[in-house]
């Protein structure tokens, strides 16, 4: 298995596990990630997800070019779970835990996460142009939404990487920590999200992305749809728990 999953409370940890190959992505790995995300989407016991890699040097070095060269011009796909992630329609919050550097499709996977915790030695890049390829898995569409266009263009056109500290200063990365703390920091961040009401979290994520994308129809629907959240069982529970000075018990209803 090139993808390993484990659950800590309401947080699912998905780990890319090909350390001898720097966690490079092939069809099997993409299917494993997609399958894990698809299962988690319908699992009410999972409130948030962390995606990380095995080892300290590399989160994911990108596409398995040996397999790509042997199999012809075919980019691996990962099924419905991964497709909705890359299209920004995945409903549950995902924290990327960059235990090391991430390039090409590995960096695109991080870009598709909602939040990123990075090791202080990590670097990130979309070097596809150096191999006659393009970052079609989200790199050339997601990156300009996360950092200034001029910097995104420089990364995309030169193929040169960005270090974690600069990525943090540009707002691409939420937190930069020593490598040994990346997983714990990411899980802690996911747990702080998972502690909140699931309906409210899902609504907030969906409409923040709609706002950034300039979706006017979604903005117009936001007030109407938000009434469902305010009328929910969880909304009443949250207010009652505050009054009673206790921890709320969320039902996702």
Protein backbone atom coordinates (compact mmCIF):
# COMPACT_ATOMS: atom_id res chain seq x y z
CA UNK A 1 0.00 0.00 0.00
CA UNK A 2 1.37 3.40 -0.96
CA UNK A 3 -1.26 5.26 1.08
CA UNK A 4 -1.82 4.63 4.78
CA UNK A 5 -4.76 5.96 6.79
CA UNK A 6 -5.30 6.21 10.53
CA UNK A 7 -7.90 8.01 12.59
CA UNK A 8 -7.22 10.06 15.71
CA UNK A 9 -10.55 10.96 17.23
CA UNK A 10 -12.44 12.87 14.55
CA UNK A 11 -9.31 13.57 12.47
CA UNK A 12 -8.32 11.22 9.64
CA UNK A 13 -4.61 11.17 8.75
CA UNK A 14 -3.78 10.19 5.17
CA UNK A 15 -0.08 9.42 4.64
CA UNK A 16 1.76 9.08 1.33
CA UNK A 17 3.99 6.10 2.01
CA UNK A 18 6.67 5.54 -0.65
CA UNK A 19 9.70 6.95 1.20
CA UNK A 20 12.24 5.06 -0.89
CA UNK A 21 10.90 6.91 -3.96
CA UNK A 22 10.35 10.25 -2.18
CA UNK A 23 6.59 9.55 -2.15
CA UNK A 24 6.27 10.03 -5.90
CA UNK A 25 2.77 9.67 -7.28
CA UNK A 26 1.61 6.85 -9.54
CA UNK A 27 -1.86 5.58 -10.43
CA UNK A 28 -2.06 3.40 -7.32
CA UNK A 29 -1.21 6.26 -4.96
CA UNK A 30 -3.65 8.66 -6.60
CA UNK A 31 -6.38 6.04 -6.35
CA UNK A 32 -5.49 5.48 -2.69
CA UNK A 33 -5.74 9.19 -1.86
CA UNK A 34 -8.97 9.54 -3.80
CA UNK A 35 -10.47 6.49 -2.14
CA UNK A 36 -9.55 7.68 1.35
CA UNK A 37 -11.12 11.08 0.71
CA UNK A 38 -14.26 9.56 -0.79
CA UNK A 39 -14.69 7.28 2.24
CA UNK A 40 -14.06 10.15 4.66
CA UNK A 41 -16.64 12.37 2.96
CA UNK A 42 -19.45 9.96 3.85
CA UNK A 43 -18.07 9.03 7.28
CA UNK A 44 -19.70 11.13 10.02
CA UNK A 45 -16.94 10.18 12.46
CA UNK A 46 -14.44 12.18 10.37
CA UNK A 47 -14.67 15.95 10.83
CA UNK A 48 -11.29 16.99 9.40
CA UNK A 49 -8.43 15.44 7.44
CA UNK A 50 -4.63 15.73 7.50
CA UNK A 51 -2.58 14.74 4.45
CA UNK A 52 1.13 14.15 5.04
CA UNK A 53 4.06 12.08 3.80
CA UNK A 54 6.47 9.52 5.22
CA UNK A 55 10.02 10.68 5.90
CA UNK A 56 11.63 14.01 6.69
CA UNK A 57 13.04 15.09 3.34
CA UNK A 58 10.08 14.94 0.97
CA UNK A 59 6.31 15.33 1.23
CA UNK A 60 5.99 14.33 -2.42
CA UNK A 61 8.51 14.69 -5.25
CA UNK A 62 5.77 14.75 -7.87
CA UNK A 63 4.75 12.40 -10.64
CA UNK A 64 6.49 9.02 -10.96
CA UNK A 65 8.29 9.93 -14.20
CA UNK A 66 9.64 6.39 -14.64
CA UNK A 67 6.10 5.00 -14.67
CA UNK A 68 4.95 7.92 -16.82
CA UNK A 69 7.70 7.34 -19.40
CA UNK A 70 7.05 3.60 -19.47
CA UNK A 71 3.29 3.99 -19.80
CA UNK A 72 3.13 6.81 -22.32
CA UNK A 73 1.58 10.23 -21.96
CA UNK A 74 -1.01 9.49 -19.31
CA UNK A 75 -1.39 11.53 -16.17
CA UNK A 76 -2.60 9.43 -13.19
CA UNK A 77 -6.08 10.15 -11.91
CA UNK A 78 -7.45 9.41 -8.49
CA UNK A 79 -11.19 8.90 -8.63
CA UNK A 80 -14.03 11.02 -7.31
CA UNK A 81 -12.53 11.81 -3.91
CA UNK A 82 -9.45 13.39 -5.41
CA UNK A 83 -11.32 15.09 -8.24
CA UNK A 84 -13.60 16.99 -5.88
CA UNK A 85 -10.57 18.00 -3.83
CA UNK A 86 -8.78 19.48 -6.83
CA UNK A 87 -11.98 21.19 -7.96
CA UNK A 88 -12.36 22.82 -4.53
CA UNK A 89 -15.73 21.18 -3.84
CA UNK A 90 -14.58 18.77 -1.13
CA UNK A 91 -16.81 19.55 1.87
CA UNK A 92 -14.58 18.66 4.82
CA UNK A 93 -11.58 20.77 5.90
CA UNK A 94 -8.15 19.41 4.95
CA UNK A 95 -4.81 20.37 6.47
CA UNK A 96 -1.71 19.65 4.42
CA UNK A 97 1.24 18.61 6.61
CA UNK A 98 4.31 19.20 4.47
CA UNK A 99 6.88 17.11 6.31
CA UNK A 100 9.32 17.97 3.51
CA UNK A 101 9.48 19.46 0.05
CA UNK A 102 6.67 19.18 -2.49
CA UNK A 103 6.97 19.48 -6.25
CA UNK A 104 4.69 19.18 -9.25
CA UNK A 105 1.63 17.07 -8.45
CA UNK A 106 2.84 16.83 -4.83
CA UNK A 107 2.68 20.61 -4.54
CA UNK A 108 -0.67 20.61 -6.32
CA UNK A 109 -1.97 18.25 -3.66
CA UNK A 110 -0.91 20.73 -0.98
CA UNK A 111 -2.50 23.60 -2.93
CA UNK A 112 -5.78 21.71 -2.90
CA UNK A 113 -5.67 21.56 0.91
CA UNK A 114 -7.38 24.32 2.86
CA UNK A 115 -4.52 24.97 5.29
CA UNK A 116 -0.83 24.08 5.18
CA UNK A 117 1.68 23.40 7.95
CA UNK A 118 5.22 23.15 6.60
CA UNK A 119 8.60 21.97 7.84
CA UNK A 120 11.08 24.84 8.01
CA UNK A 121 13.39 23.14 5.49
CA UNK A 122 10.68 22.46 2.90
CA UNK A 123 10.58 23.97 -0.59
CA UNK A 124 7.70 24.04 -3.07
CA UNK A 125 7.52 24.23 -6.83
CA UNK A 126 5.81 23.41 -10.11
CA UNK A 127 8.80 22.47 -12.32
CA UNK A 128 6.71 20.83 -15.05
CA UNK A 129 7.93 23.25 -17.75
CA UNK A 130 11.43 21.84 -17.25
CA UNK A 131 10.10 18.44 -18.38
CA UNK A 132 7.86 19.62 -21.21
CA UNK A 133 4.76 19.22 -19.05
CA UNK A 134 2.25 21.57 -17.43
CA UNK A 135 0.91 21.71 -13.87
CA UNK A 136 -2.58 20.75 -15.01
CA UNK A 137 -3.64 19.21 -11.70
CA UNK A 138 -4.27 22.61 -10.17
CA UNK A 139 -0.85 24.26 -10.10
CA UNK A 140 -1.52 26.81 -12.82
CA UNK A 141 -5.06 27.50 -11.60
CA UNK A 142 -4.83 27.27 -7.81
CA UNK A 143 -1.44 28.91 -7.24
CA UNK A 144 -2.45 32.36 -8.60
CA UNK A 145 -5.36 32.36 -6.14
CA UNK A 146 -3.05 31.76 -3.18
CA UNK A 147 -0.14 34.13 -3.87
CA UNK A 148 0.42 37.29 -5.95
CA UNK A 149 0.17 36.65 -9.70
CA UNK A 150 3.70 37.86 -10.44
CA UNK A 151 5.19 35.33 -8.01
CA UNK A 152 2.95 32.53 -9.31
CA UNK A 153 4.02 33.35 -12.87
CA UNK A 154 7.68 33.30 -11.88
CA UNK A 155 7.28 29.88 -10.28
CA UNK A 156 5.27 28.51 -13.22
CA UNK A 157 7.39 29.90 -16.02
CA UNK A 158 10.84 29.28 -14.52
CA UNK A 159 10.04 26.07 -12.67
CA UNK A 160 12.10 27.33 -9.73
CA UNK A 161 10.99 26.57 -6.14
CA UNK A 162 9.91 28.69 -3.21
CA UNK A 163 11.16 28.03 0.34
CA UNK A 164 8.83 27.59 3.31
CA UNK A 165 9.68 30.89 4.97
CA UNK A 166 8.91 32.86 1.79
CA UNK A 167 5.77 30.79 1.26
CA UNK A 168 4.63 31.74 4.75
CA UNK A 169 5.34 35.43 4.16
CA UNK A 170 3.20 35.28 0.99
CA UNK A 171 0.30 33.67 2.86
CA UNK A 172 0.60 30.31 1.09
CA UNK A 173 1.56 28.44 4.26
CA UNK A 174 -0.21 28.90 7.59
CA UNK A 175 2.55 27.73 9.90
CA UNK A 176 6.24 26.86 9.58
CA UNK A 177 7.66 24.60 12.28
CA UNK A 178 10.63 22.24 12.76
CA UNK A 179 10.21 19.00 10.84
CA UNK A 180 9.61 16.89 13.92
CA UNK A 181 6.62 19.05 14.89
CA UNK A 182 4.83 19.17 11.53
CA UNK A 183 2.46 16.23 12.02
CA UNK A 184 1.49 17.17 15.58
CA UNK A 185 0.96 20.80 14.59
CA UNK A 186 -1.22 19.81 11.64
CA UNK A 187 -3.26 17.35 13.70
CA UNK A 188 -3.72 19.97 16.41
CA UNK A 189 -4.95 22.46 13.83
CA UNK A 190 -7.34 19.87 12.39
CA UNK A 191 -8.59 19.03 15.89
CA UNK A 192 -9.33 22.70 16.59
CA UNK A 193 -11.48 22.74 13.43
CA UNK A 194 -13.10 19.39 14.19
CA UNK A 195 -14.18 20.68 17.61
CA UNK A 196 -16.60 23.08 15.92
CA UNK A 197 -20.10 22.48 14.55
CA UNK A 198 -19.82 20.49 11.28
CA UNK A 199 -22.64 22.27 9.45
CA UNK A 200 -21.19 25.68 10.28
CA UNK A 201 -17.68 24.61 9.28
CA UNK A 202 -18.86 23.20 5.96
CA UNK A 203 -20.91 26.32 5.18
CA UNK A 204 -18.00 28.64 6.08
CA UNK A 205 -15.53 26.75 3.89
CA UNK A 206 -17.86 26.58 0.89
CA UNK A 207 -18.78 30.24 0.91
CA UNK A 208 -15.28 31.55 1.55
CA UNK A 209 -14.15 29.77 -1.60
CA UNK A 210 -17.16 31.09 -3.50
CA UNK A 211 -16.30 34.62 -2.39
CA UNK A 212 -12.69 34.32 -3.53
CA UNK A 213 -13.81 32.89 -6.87
CA UNK A 214 -16.10 35.86 -7.38
CA UNK A 215 -19.22 33.70 -7.57
CA UNK A 216 -21.93 36.35 -7.37
CA UNK A 217 -24.80 33.85 -7.42
CA UNK A 218 -23.28 32.01 -4.46
CA UNK A 219 -22.98 35.28 -2.56
CA UNK A 220 -26.61 36.05 -3.24
CA UNK A 221 -27.60 32.61 -1.98
CA UNK A 222 -25.47 32.88 1.13
CA UNK A 223 -27.99 34.76 3.28
CA UNK A 224 -30.79 32.36 2.38
CA UNK A 225 -28.69 29.25 2.91
CA UNK A 226 -27.22 30.52 6.17
CA UNK A 227 -30.70 30.44 7.68
CA UNK A 228 -30.49 26.64 7.61
CA UNK A 229 -27.39 26.84 9.79
CA UNK A 230 -28.99 29.30 12.22
CA UNK A 231 -32.07 27.06 12.48
CA UNK A 232 -30.05 23.89 13.00
CA UNK A 233 -29.97 21.68 16.07
CA UNK A 234 -26.27 22.48 16.41
CA UNK A 235 -26.92 26.24 16.51
CA UNK A 236 -29.33 25.80 19.40
CA UNK A 237 -26.90 23.43 21.12
CA UNK A 238 -24.03 25.89 20.73
CA UNK A 239 -26.01 28.70 22.37
CA UNK A 240 -27.30 26.43 25.15
CA UNK A 241 -23.81 25.07 25.87
CA UNK A 242 -22.50 28.64 26.13
CA UNK A 243 -25.23 29.56 28.60
CA UNK A 244 -24.61 26.41 30.62
CA UNK A 245 -20.82 26.83 30.43
CA UNK A 246 -20.21 23.36 29.04
CA UNK A 247 -18.71 21.81 25.92
CA UNK A 248 -21.25 21.51 23.10
CA UNK A 249 -22.26 18.12 21.72
CA UNK A 250 -22.56 18.48 17.94
CA UNK A 251 -24.99 16.36 15.96
CA UNK A 252 -24.37 17.75 12.47
CA UNK A 253 -28.08 18.54 12.21
